[in-house]
Amino acid sequence: MSNLFWLTDAQMDRLRPFFYKSHGKPRVDDRRVLSGIIFINRNGLRWCDAPKESGPQKTLYNRWKRWSDKGVFARMMDGLVTEAVVPKTVMIAATYLKAHRTASSLRSKKGGRAAKGAV
């Protein structure tokens, strides 16, 4: 895959303080795993569609789940925001929403009558 996402050395240096220390068995490289997680989330893919270069898909999911539960991603975002030299307002536009072609017909039957048993 030519459009893989990889974190740079500078980006990893900024994010490294937010990771937990490894205990016991050495784990898969944090850069590979985090790059894979970002790639999956950015492209809206399933875990099984993760590129092989990012490491095992089960590792990606387990690390994403564990880090999410422990608040690692929230700490990363908070930490990166507080490091900003100039405070900025960031907004996310949700203008790109897909709806299935039958989504408008799920509310009621043809003719405007409510479905049997519906209120």
C-alpha atoms as a PDB file:
ATOM      1  CA  MET A   1       0.000   0.000   0.000  1.00  0.00           C
ATOM      2  CA  SER A   2       1.509   3.286  -1.061  1.00  0.00           C
ATOM      3  CA  ASN A   3      -0.631   5.564   1.088  1.00  0.00           C
ATOM      4  CA  LEU A   4       0.312   4.148   4.492  1.00  0.00           C
ATOM      5  CA  PHE A   5       0.380   6.561   7.395  1.00  0.00           C
ATOM      6  CA  TRP A   6       3.597   6.637   9.449  1.00  0.00           C
ATOM      7  CA  LEU A   7       4.322   8.939  12.360  1.00  0.00           C
ATOM      8  CA  THR A   8       7.576  10.889  12.028  1.00  0.00           C
ATOM      9  CA  ASP A   9      10.378  10.853  14.605  1.00  0.00           C
ATOM     10  CA  ALA A  10       9.373  14.329  15.782  1.00  0.00           C
ATOM     11  CA  GLN A  11       5.736  13.267  16.226  1.00  0.00           C
ATOM     12  CA  MET A  12       6.743  10.154  18.164  1.00  0.00           C
ATOM     13  CA  ASP A  13       9.034  12.199  20.418  1.00  0.00           C
ATOM     14  CA  ARG A  14       6.050  14.401  21.327  1.00  0.00           C
ATOM     15  CA  LEU A  15       3.766  11.396  21.940  1.00  0.00           C
ATOM     16  CA  ARG A  16       6.216   9.090  23.763  1.00  0.00           C
ATOM     17  CA  PRO A  17       5.595  10.566  27.263  1.00  0.00           C
ATOM     18  CA  PHE A  18       1.916   9.562  27.042  1.00  0.00           C
ATOM     19  CA  PHE A  19       2.603   5.822  26.559  1.00  0.00           C
ATOM     20  CA  TYR A  20       2.758   3.378  29.427  1.00  0.00           C
ATOM     21  CA  LYS A  21       6.079   1.705  30.161  1.00  0.00           C
ATOM     22  CA  SER A  22       6.463  -1.856  28.918  1.00  0.00           C
ATOM     23  CA  HIS A  23       6.509  -4.525  31.637  1.00  0.00           C
ATOM     24  CA  GLY A  24       7.730  -8.044  31.020  1.00  0.00           C
ATOM     25  CA  LYS A  25       7.559  -9.248  27.432  1.00  0.00           C
ATOM     26  CA  PRO A  26       8.685  -6.701  24.797  1.00  0.00           C
ATOM     27  CA  ARG A  27       5.711  -5.363  22.868  1.00  0.00           C
ATOM     28  CA  VAL A  28       5.234  -4.449  19.220  1.00  0.00           C
ATOM     29  CA  ASP A  29       6.714  -1.045  18.369  1.00  0.00           C
ATOM     30  CA  ASP A  30       4.426   1.801  19.496  1.00  0.00           C
ATOM     31  CA  ARG A  31       5.066   3.732  16.257  1.00  0.00           C
ATOM     32  CA  ARG A  32       3.871   0.828  14.105  1.00  0.00           C
ATOM     33  CA  VAL A  33       0.800   0.232  16.243  1.00  0.00           C
ATOM     34  CA  LEU A  34      -0.237   3.878  16.603  1.00  0.00           C
ATOM     35  CA  SER A  35       0.337   4.493  12.882  1.00  0.00           C
ATOM     36  CA  GLY A  36      -1.872   1.469  12.127  1.00  0.00           C
ATOM     37  CA  ILE A  37      -4.602   2.660  14.500  1.00  0.00           C
ATOM     38  CA  ILE A  38      -4.582   6.121  12.913  1.00  0.00           C
ATOM     39  CA  PHE A  39      -4.675   4.559   9.425  1.00  0.00           C
ATOM     40  CA  ILE A  40      -7.684   2.388  10.331  1.00  0.00           C
ATOM     41  CA  ASN A  41      -9.610   5.244  11.972  1.00  0.00           C
ATOM     42  CA  ARG A  42      -8.758   7.780   9.264  1.00  0.00           C
ATOM     43  CA  ASN A  43      -9.952   5.489   6.463  1.00  0.00           C
ATOM     44  CA  GLY A  44     -12.915   3.964   8.326  1.00  0.00           C
ATOM     45  CA  LEU A  45     -11.640   0.427   7.845  1.00  0.00           C
ATOM     46  CA  ARG A  46     -12.173  -2.759   9.813  1.00  0.00           C
ATOM     47  CA  TRP A  47      -9.342  -4.093  11.974  1.00  0.00           C
ATOM     48  CA  CYS A  48      -8.906  -7.048   9.622  1.00  0.00           C
ATOM     49  CA  ASP A  49      -8.161  -4.548   6.816  1.00  0.00           C
ATOM     50  CA  ALA A  50      -5.128  -3.147   8.626  1.00  0.00           C
ATOM     51  CA  PRO A  51      -1.935  -3.113   6.571  1.00  0.00           C
ATOM     52  CA  LYS A  52       0.500  -5.890   7.475  1.00  0.00           C
ATOM     53  CA  GLU A  53       3.232  -3.271   7.998  1.00  0.00           C
ATOM     54  CA  SER A  54       1.360  -2.029  11.084  1.00  0.00           C
ATOM     55  CA  GLY A  55       1.641  -5.337  12.885  1.00  0.00           C
ATOM     56  CA  PRO A  56      -0.942  -7.996  13.755  1.00  0.00           C
ATOM     57  CA  GLN A  57      -4.560  -6.816  13.566  1.00  0.00           C
ATOM     58  CA  LYS A  58      -5.312  -8.333  16.972  1.00  0.00           C
ATOM     59  CA  THR A  59      -2.468  -6.283  18.476  1.00  0.00           C
ATOM     60  CA  LEU A  60      -3.835  -3.113  16.889  1.00  0.00           C
ATOM     61  CA  TYR A  61      -7.309  -3.719  18.287  1.00  0.00           C
ATOM     62  CA  ASN A  62      -6.109  -4.804  21.729  1.00  0.00           C
ATOM     63  CA  ARG A  63      -3.801  -1.802  22.071  1.00  0.00           C
ATOM     64  CA  TRP A  64      -6.539   0.580  20.833  1.00  0.00           C
ATOM     65  CA  LYS A  65      -9.035  -0.896  23.314  1.00  0.00           C
ATOM     66  CA  ARG A  66      -6.584  -0.887  26.238  1.00  0.00           C
ATOM     67  CA  TRP A  67      -5.350   2.640  25.539  1.00  0.00           C
ATOM     68  CA  SER A  68      -8.919   3.913  25.085  1.00  0.00           C
ATOM     69  CA  ASP A  69     -10.042   2.373  28.383  1.00  0.00           C
ATOM     70  CA  LYS A  70      -7.035   3.819  30.234  1.00  0.00           C
ATOM     71  CA  GLY A  71      -7.483   7.275  28.694  1.00  0.00           C
ATOM     72  CA  VAL A  72      -4.174   7.346  26.810  1.00  0.00           C
ATOM     73  CA  PHE A  73      -5.688   8.994  23.725  1.00  0.00           C
ATOM     74  CA  ALA A  74      -7.490  11.612  25.826  1.00  0.00           C
ATOM     75  CA  ARG A  75      -4.228  12.407  27.649  1.00  0.00           C
ATOM     76  CA  MET A  76      -2.447  12.684  24.287  1.00  0.00           C
ATOM     77  CA  MET A  77      -4.977  15.199  23.010  1.00  0.00           C
ATOM     78  CA  ASP A  78      -4.945  17.219  26.238  1.00  0.00           C
ATOM     79  CA  GLY A  79      -1.155  17.198  26.335  1.00  0.00           C
ATOM     80  CA  LEU A  80      -0.787  18.260  22.725  1.00  0.00           C
ATOM     81  CA  VAL A  81      -3.292  21.073  23.194  1.00  0.00           C
ATOM     82  CA  THR A  82      -1.500  22.439  26.256  1.00  0.00           C
ATOM     83  CA  GLU A  83       1.839  22.355  24.371  1.00  0.00           C
ATOM     84  CA  ALA A  84       0.457  24.624  21.651  1.00  0.00           C
ATOM     85  CA  VAL A  85       2.317  27.931  21.503  1.00  0.00           C
ATOM     86  CA  VAL A  86      -0.657  29.841  20.139  1.00  0.00           C
ATOM     87  CA  PRO A  87      -4.094  28.776  21.413  1.00  0.00           C
ATOM     88  CA  LYS A  88      -6.285  27.702  18.523  1.00  0.00           C
ATOM     89  CA  THR A  89      -9.900  26.796  18.108  1.00  0.00           C
ATOM     90  CA  VAL A  90     -10.367  23.580  16.181  1.00  0.00           C
ATOM     91  CA  MET A  91     -13.737  22.702  14.737  1.00  0.00           C
ATOM     92  CA  ILE A  92     -14.904  19.523  13.061  1.00  0.00           C
ATOM     93  CA  ALA A  93     -17.492  19.746  10.314  1.00  0.00           C
ATOM     94  CA  ALA A  94     -19.820  16.766  10.059  1.00  0.00           C
ATOM     95  CA  THR A  95     -21.165  17.677   6.647  1.00  0.00           C
ATOM     96  CA  TYR A  96     -20.255  14.371   5.039  1.00  0.00           C
ATOM     97  CA  LEU A  97     -22.822  11.913   6.308  1.00  0.00           C
ATOM     98  CA  LYS A  98     -23.997   8.908   4.353  1.00  0.00           C
ATOM     99  CA  ALA A  99     -27.512   7.574   4.600  1.00  0.00           C
ATOM    100  CA  HIS A 100     -28.742   4.361   3.082  1.00  0.00           C
ATOM    101  CA  ARG A 101     -31.190   4.839   0.239  1.00  0.00           C
ATOM    102  CA  THR A 102     -33.985   3.273   2.325  1.00  0.00           C
ATOM    103  CA  ALA A 103     -33.327   5.397   5.405  1.00  0.00           C
ATOM    104  CA  SER A 104     -36.118   7.834   4.578  1.00  0.00           C
ATOM    105  CA  SER A 105     -38.691   5.048   4.273  1.00  0.00           C
ATOM    106  CA  LEU A 106     -38.049   3.443   7.649  1.00  0.00           C
ATOM    107  CA  ARG A 107     -40.296   5.807   9.570  1.00  0.00           C
ATOM    108  CA  SER A 108     -43.632   4.835   8.077  1.00  0.00           C
ATOM    109  CA  LYS A 109     -45.210   2.786   5.335  1.00  0.00           C
ATOM    110  CA  LYS A 110     -46.209   4.140   1.940  1.00  0.00           C
ATOM    111  CA  GLY A 111     -49.149   6.483   1.964  1.00  0.00           C
ATOM    112  CA  GLY A 112     -48.109   8.144   5.207  1.00  0.00           C
ATOM    113  CA  ARG A 113     -49.880   5.656   7.471  1.00  0.00           C
ATOM    114  CA  ALA A 114     -48.115   4.457  10.580  1.00  0.00           C
ATOM    115  CA  ALA A 115     -47.009   0.837  10.655  1.00  0.00           C
ATOM    116  CA  LYS A 116     -49.348  -1.608  12.394  1.00  0.00           C
ATOM    117  CA  GLY A 117     -48.787  -1.420  16.126  1.00  0.00           C
ATOM    118  CA  ALA A 118     -46.732   1.807  15.868  1.00  0.00           C
ATOM    119  CA  VAL A 119     -47.688   4.942  17.691  1.00  0.00           C
END
